[in-house]
Amino acid sequence: MRTLSVIGIGAGNPEHMTVQGINALNRANVILIPRKGEAKEDLADLRRAICERFLGNKNTRIVEFDLPVRDADDPSYRNGVDDWHAAIARLYARLLAEHTGDDGHAAFLVWGDPSLYDSTLRIIERLRADTGVAFALDVVPGITSLQALAASHKMPVNTIGGAIHITTGRRLRAEGFPDNADTALVMLDGGCAFGVLPGDAYDIFWGAYLGTADEIVIAGRLADVADEIVETRAKARSARGWIMDTYLLRRR
């Protein structure tokens, strides 16, 4: 039976790789590396750097492929994502058929942790359901951007006895800050949704390119630093062509 390993590789620093992840990397026959276009070549470069640094199995092959692009013009976000995931599942099936035998072992390298705001595991289950391909699944946890954010700001994520809420920028904009938490961790926010909140009521701890040489962190009262974050984010994204950022909001 085939084996698929989904390996969390951390938030952008090759030293985020765990011993468990390195061992899983070296058990694989094939490492599958997605390409997301020239503007996001840095994302593939990190995976290549990890393989160059930690891959000692000379029999392991590296196969790169172009990842399908989500139709951002689809008026239904959920339908657009569903169609996108279906296309990726079909591509995974073809890659496995071409590059692994019935007993082959393929590995996917996932930014952060496979369980937190990443769809690789969901797509792999869709691959199983849609194609009937049989495989054993191995999941290796990784350091998330939220952990890297807290480390860079040298702070605990929780308050004593307080609740933590993890959400997206889309939900924060639509629903506001959760009533039942004093800390919110916000991911996948391309529109700086913190701008909808009263700036005097919250502190923000923001970070981009966490764990890398290009890391940027800003913290302070939301009213004082919101404009700085928006400007800094726009300049960084323009300079690199992509940005990965996240932030923590806390009631004052």
Protein backbone atom coordinates (compact mmCIF):
# COMPACT_ATOMS: atom_id res chain seq x y z
CA MET A 1 0.00 0.00 0.00
CA ARG A 2 1.17 3.52 -0.74
CA THR A 3 2.10 5.82 2.13
CA LEU A 4 1.58 9.58 2.11
CA SER A 5 3.44 11.70 4.65
CA VAL A 6 2.25 15.25 5.34
CA ILE A 7 5.09 17.03 7.09
CA GLY A 8 4.78 20.37 8.86
CA ILE A 9 7.89 22.42 8.07
CA GLY A 10 7.32 25.49 10.24
CA ALA A 11 6.67 29.14 9.53
CA GLY A 12 9.60 29.89 7.24
CA ASN A 13 12.82 29.03 9.05
CA PRO A 14 14.46 25.72 8.01
CA GLU A 15 15.49 25.28 11.66
CA HIS A 16 11.80 24.85 12.52
CA MET A 17 12.11 21.31 11.15
CA THR A 18 11.69 18.72 13.88
CA VAL A 19 13.64 15.48 14.18
CA GLN A 20 10.37 13.66 13.47
CA GLY A 21 9.92 15.69 10.29
CA ILE A 22 13.48 15.07 9.12
CA ASN A 23 13.08 11.33 9.66
CA ALA A 24 9.80 11.30 7.72
CA LEU A 25 11.45 13.26 4.92
CA ASN A 26 14.15 10.63 4.59
CA ARG A 27 11.72 7.69 4.56
CA ALA A 28 9.96 8.99 1.45
CA ASN A 29 10.70 7.80 -2.08
CA VAL A 30 9.37 11.05 -3.56
CA ILE A 31 9.10 14.61 -2.21
CA LEU A 32 6.36 16.57 -4.00
CA ILE A 33 7.06 20.31 -4.16
CA PRO A 34 4.34 22.66 -5.44
CA ARG A 35 5.14 25.76 -7.47
CA LYS A 36 2.78 28.74 -7.19
CA GLY A 37 4.14 30.99 -9.92
CA GLU A 38 7.17 33.25 -10.17
CA ALA A 39 5.88 35.77 -7.63
CA LYS A 40 5.72 33.05 -4.94
CA GLU A 41 8.88 31.18 -5.87
CA ASP A 42 10.21 31.83 -2.36
CA LEU A 43 7.64 29.33 -1.06
CA ALA A 44 9.13 26.58 -3.20
CA ASP A 45 12.66 27.76 -2.42
CA LEU A 46 12.15 27.08 1.30
CA ARG A 47 11.08 23.52 0.54
CA ARG A 48 14.11 23.08 -1.71
CA ALA A 49 16.39 24.47 1.03
CA ILE A 50 14.93 22.04 3.56
CA CYS A 51 15.55 19.10 1.23
CA GLU A 52 19.09 20.25 0.49
CA ARG A 53 19.85 20.62 4.18
CA PHE A 54 18.11 17.62 5.71
CA LEU A 55 17.57 15.04 2.98
CA GLY A 56 20.28 12.40 3.31
CA ASN A 57 18.52 9.56 1.48
CA LYS A 58 20.12 9.52 -1.97
CA ASN A 59 17.31 7.36 -3.32
CA THR A 60 14.66 10.00 -2.60
CA ARG A 61 13.55 11.92 -5.67
CA ILE A 62 12.19 15.47 -5.73
CA VAL A 63 9.29 16.14 -8.08
CA GLU A 64 8.05 19.69 -8.63
CA PHE A 65 4.63 20.53 -10.02
CA ASP A 66 2.50 23.59 -10.76
CA LEU A 67 -0.38 24.00 -8.34
CA PRO A 68 -3.79 24.93 -9.79
CA VAL A 69 -4.98 28.46 -9.04
CA ARG A 70 -8.25 29.18 -7.26
CA ASP A 71 -10.81 31.14 -9.28
CA ALA A 72 -10.97 34.34 -7.25
CA ASP A 73 -13.82 35.63 -9.43
CA ASP A 74 -16.24 32.92 -8.32
CA PRO A 75 -18.99 34.78 -6.40
CA SER A 76 -19.25 31.88 -3.96
CA TYR A 77 -16.07 31.57 -1.89
CA ARG A 78 -16.98 28.06 -0.73
CA ASN A 79 -17.81 26.84 -4.24
CA GLY A 80 -14.59 28.33 -5.56
CA VAL A 81 -12.55 26.59 -2.89
CA ASP A 82 -14.40 23.31 -3.47
CA ASP A 83 -13.65 23.39 -7.22
CA TRP A 84 -10.03 24.30 -6.50
CA HIS A 85 -9.59 21.43 -4.05
CA ALA A 86 -11.14 19.01 -6.54
CA ALA A 87 -8.63 20.09 -9.18
CA ILE A 88 -5.72 19.63 -6.76
CA ALA A 89 -7.01 16.18 -5.73
CA ARG A 90 -7.07 15.12 -9.39
CA LEU A 91 -3.52 16.42 -9.81
CA TYR A 92 -2.34 14.52 -6.72
CA ALA A 93 -3.85 11.32 -8.14
CA ARG A 94 -1.93 11.80 -11.38
CA LEU A 95 1.34 12.57 -9.59
CA LEU A 96 1.04 9.48 -7.40
CA ALA A 97 0.27 7.29 -10.41
CA GLU A 98 3.27 8.67 -12.31
CA HIS A 99 5.86 8.76 -9.53
CA THR A 100 4.99 6.05 -7.00
CA GLY A 101 4.25 2.37 -7.27
CA ASP A 102 1.69 0.46 -5.22
CA ASP A 103 4.10 0.43 -2.27
CA GLY A 104 5.60 3.87 -2.84
CA HIS A 105 6.00 6.59 -0.22
CA ALA A 106 5.37 10.24 -1.15
CA ALA A 107 5.77 13.28 1.11
CA PHE A 108 4.17 16.72 1.05
CA LEU A 109 5.92 19.58 2.87
CA VAL A 110 3.35 21.88 4.46
CA TRP A 111 4.06 25.37 5.78
CA GLY A 112 3.30 25.64 9.50
CA ASP A 113 1.27 22.72 10.80
CA PRO A 114 -0.94 20.48 8.61
CA SER A 115 -3.86 20.78 11.04
CA LEU A 116 -4.15 24.59 11.27
CA TYR A 117 -5.58 26.54 8.33
CA ASP A 118 -4.05 24.29 5.72
CA SER A 119 -6.09 22.19 3.30
CA THR A 120 -3.61 19.45 2.39
CA LEU A 121 -5.20 16.86 4.69
CA ARG A 122 -8.69 17.80 3.48
CA ILE A 123 -7.58 17.45 -0.15
CA ILE A 124 -5.92 14.09 0.54
CA GLU A 125 -9.15 12.78 2.06
CA ARG A 126 -10.94 14.00 -1.05
CA LEU A 127 -8.37 12.16 -3.14
CA ARG A 128 -9.23 8.98 -1.25
CA ALA A 129 -12.98 9.51 -1.63
CA ASP A 130 -12.98 10.59 -5.30
CA THR A 131 -10.45 8.15 -6.73
CA GLY A 132 -10.55 5.14 -4.42
CA VAL A 133 -6.75 5.17 -4.18
CA ALA A 134 -5.69 3.24 -1.07
CA PHE A 135 -2.91 4.65 1.08
CA ALA A 136 -1.68 4.91 4.64
CA LEU A 137 -1.47 8.45 5.97
CA ASP A 138 1.32 9.77 8.19
CA VAL A 139 1.04 13.30 9.65
CA VAL A 140 3.96 15.13 11.28
CA PRO A 141 3.12 18.31 13.23
CA GLY A 142 5.04 21.52 12.70
CA ILE A 143 5.59 24.93 14.27
CA THR A 144 2.72 27.25 13.38
CA SER A 145 2.92 30.93 12.49
CA LEU A 146 0.99 31.59 15.71
CA GLN A 147 3.75 29.98 17.78
CA ALA A 148 6.39 31.88 15.82
CA LEU A 149 4.45 35.12 16.32
CA ALA A 150 4.33 34.67 20.10
CA ALA A 151 8.02 33.78 20.21
CA SER A 152 9.02 36.84 18.18
CA HIS A 153 6.98 39.12 20.44
CA LYS A 154 8.32 37.25 23.51
CA MET A 155 4.85 36.77 24.95
CA PRO A 156 2.41 34.05 26.00
CA VAL A 157 -0.62 33.64 23.79
CA ASN A 158 -3.00 33.16 26.70
CA THR A 159 -3.97 35.30 29.65
CA ILE A 160 -4.62 33.65 33.02
CA GLY A 161 -8.09 32.13 32.86
CA GLY A 162 -8.83 33.86 29.55
CA ALA A 163 -10.22 32.29 26.38
CA ILE A 164 -8.42 32.28 23.01
CA HIS A 165 -10.24 32.51 19.68
CA ILE A 166 -8.55 31.58 16.38
CA THR A 167 -10.25 33.01 13.30
CA THR A 168 -9.73 34.50 9.84
CA GLY A 169 -9.72 38.06 8.65
CA ARG A 170 -12.92 37.37 6.69
CA ARG A 171 -14.74 36.30 9.87
CA LEU A 172 -13.31 39.10 11.99
CA ARG A 173 -14.55 41.68 9.49
CA ALA A 174 -18.01 40.13 9.33
CA GLU A 175 -18.50 39.32 13.02
CA GLY A 176 -16.17 41.60 14.95
CA PHE A 177 -14.13 40.60 17.99
CA PRO A 178 -15.59 37.52 19.74
CA ASP A 179 -17.59 38.29 22.88
CA ASN A 180 -16.42 35.17 24.70
CA ALA A 181 -12.64 35.70 24.42
CA ASP A 182 -10.07 38.26 25.45
CA THR A 183 -7.49 37.15 22.86
CA ALA A 184 -8.04 36.59 19.14
CA LEU A 185 -5.46 35.12 16.77
CA VAL A 186 -6.18 36.13 13.18
CA MET A 187 -4.93 34.31 10.09
CA LEU A 188 -5.49 34.65 6.34
CA ASP A 189 -6.25 38.36 6.50
CA GLY A 190 -5.48 40.01 3.18
CA GLY A 191 -7.56 43.09 3.96
CA CYS A 192 -6.35 44.21 7.41
CA ALA A 193 -9.71 43.47 9.04
CA PHE A 194 -8.50 44.88 12.35
CA GLY A 195 -9.48 48.24 10.88
CA VAL A 196 -13.13 47.56 11.73
CA LEU A 197 -12.39 47.50 15.47
CA PRO A 198 -12.27 50.45 17.89
CA GLY A 199 -8.57 51.20 18.09
CA ASP A 200 -8.56 52.24 21.74
CA ALA A 201 -10.04 48.93 22.90
CA TYR A 202 -7.30 46.54 21.73
CA ASP A 203 -3.59 45.90 21.57
CA ILE A 204 -2.23 44.24 18.44
CA PHE A 205 0.86 42.08 17.96
CA TRP A 206 1.51 41.68 14.23
CA GLY A 207 4.17 39.77 12.33
CA ALA A 208 5.09 38.93 8.72
CA TYR A 209 7.60 36.46 7.23
CA LEU A 210 7.94 35.04 10.73
CA GLY A 211 11.08 33.03 11.39
CA THR A 212 12.84 34.27 8.25
CA ALA A 213 15.59 36.80 7.73
CA ASP A 214 12.92 39.21 6.45
CA GLU A 215 10.73 39.00 9.56
CA ILE A 216 8.81 42.17 10.47
CA VAL A 217 7.02 42.64 13.79
CA ILE A 218 4.97 45.58 15.08
CA ALA A 219 3.11 45.84 18.39
CA GLY A 220 1.16 48.46 20.30
CA ARG A 221 -2.24 49.96 20.92
CA LEU A 222 -4.29 49.32 17.78
CA ALA A 223 -5.15 53.01 17.37
CA ASP A 224 -1.44 53.89 17.42
CA VAL A 225 -0.03 51.27 15.05
CA ALA A 226 -2.86 50.24 12.68
CA ASP A 227 -1.82 52.66 9.92
CA GLU A 228 1.83 51.66 10.30
CA ILE A 229 0.91 47.98 9.89
CA VAL A 230 -1.20 48.67 6.79
CA GLU A 231 1.58 50.71 5.17
CA THR A 232 4.34 48.28 6.14
CA ARG A 233 2.34 45.32 4.90
CA ALA A 234 1.63 46.96 1.52
CA LYS A 235 5.28 47.86 0.97
CA ALA A 236 6.50 44.39 1.93
CA ARG A 237 4.01 42.65 -0.34
CA SER A 238 4.88 44.95 -3.24
CA ALA A 239 8.59 44.32 -2.78
CA ARG A 240 8.37 40.51 -2.55
CA GLY A 241 5.21 39.77 -4.51
CA TRP A 242 3.64 37.84 -1.61
CA ILE A 243 3.21 38.08 2.12
CA MET A 244 2.42 35.69 4.95
CA ASP A 245 1.38 37.49 8.10
CA THR A 246 -0.71 36.97 11.18
CA TYR A 247 -1.56 38.87 14.34
CA LEU A 248 -2.87 38.64 17.86
CA LEU A 249 -5.51 41.03 19.22
CA ARG A 250 -6.06 41.45 22.93
CA ARG A 251 -8.63 43.48 24.82
CA ARG A 252 -7.06 46.34 26.73
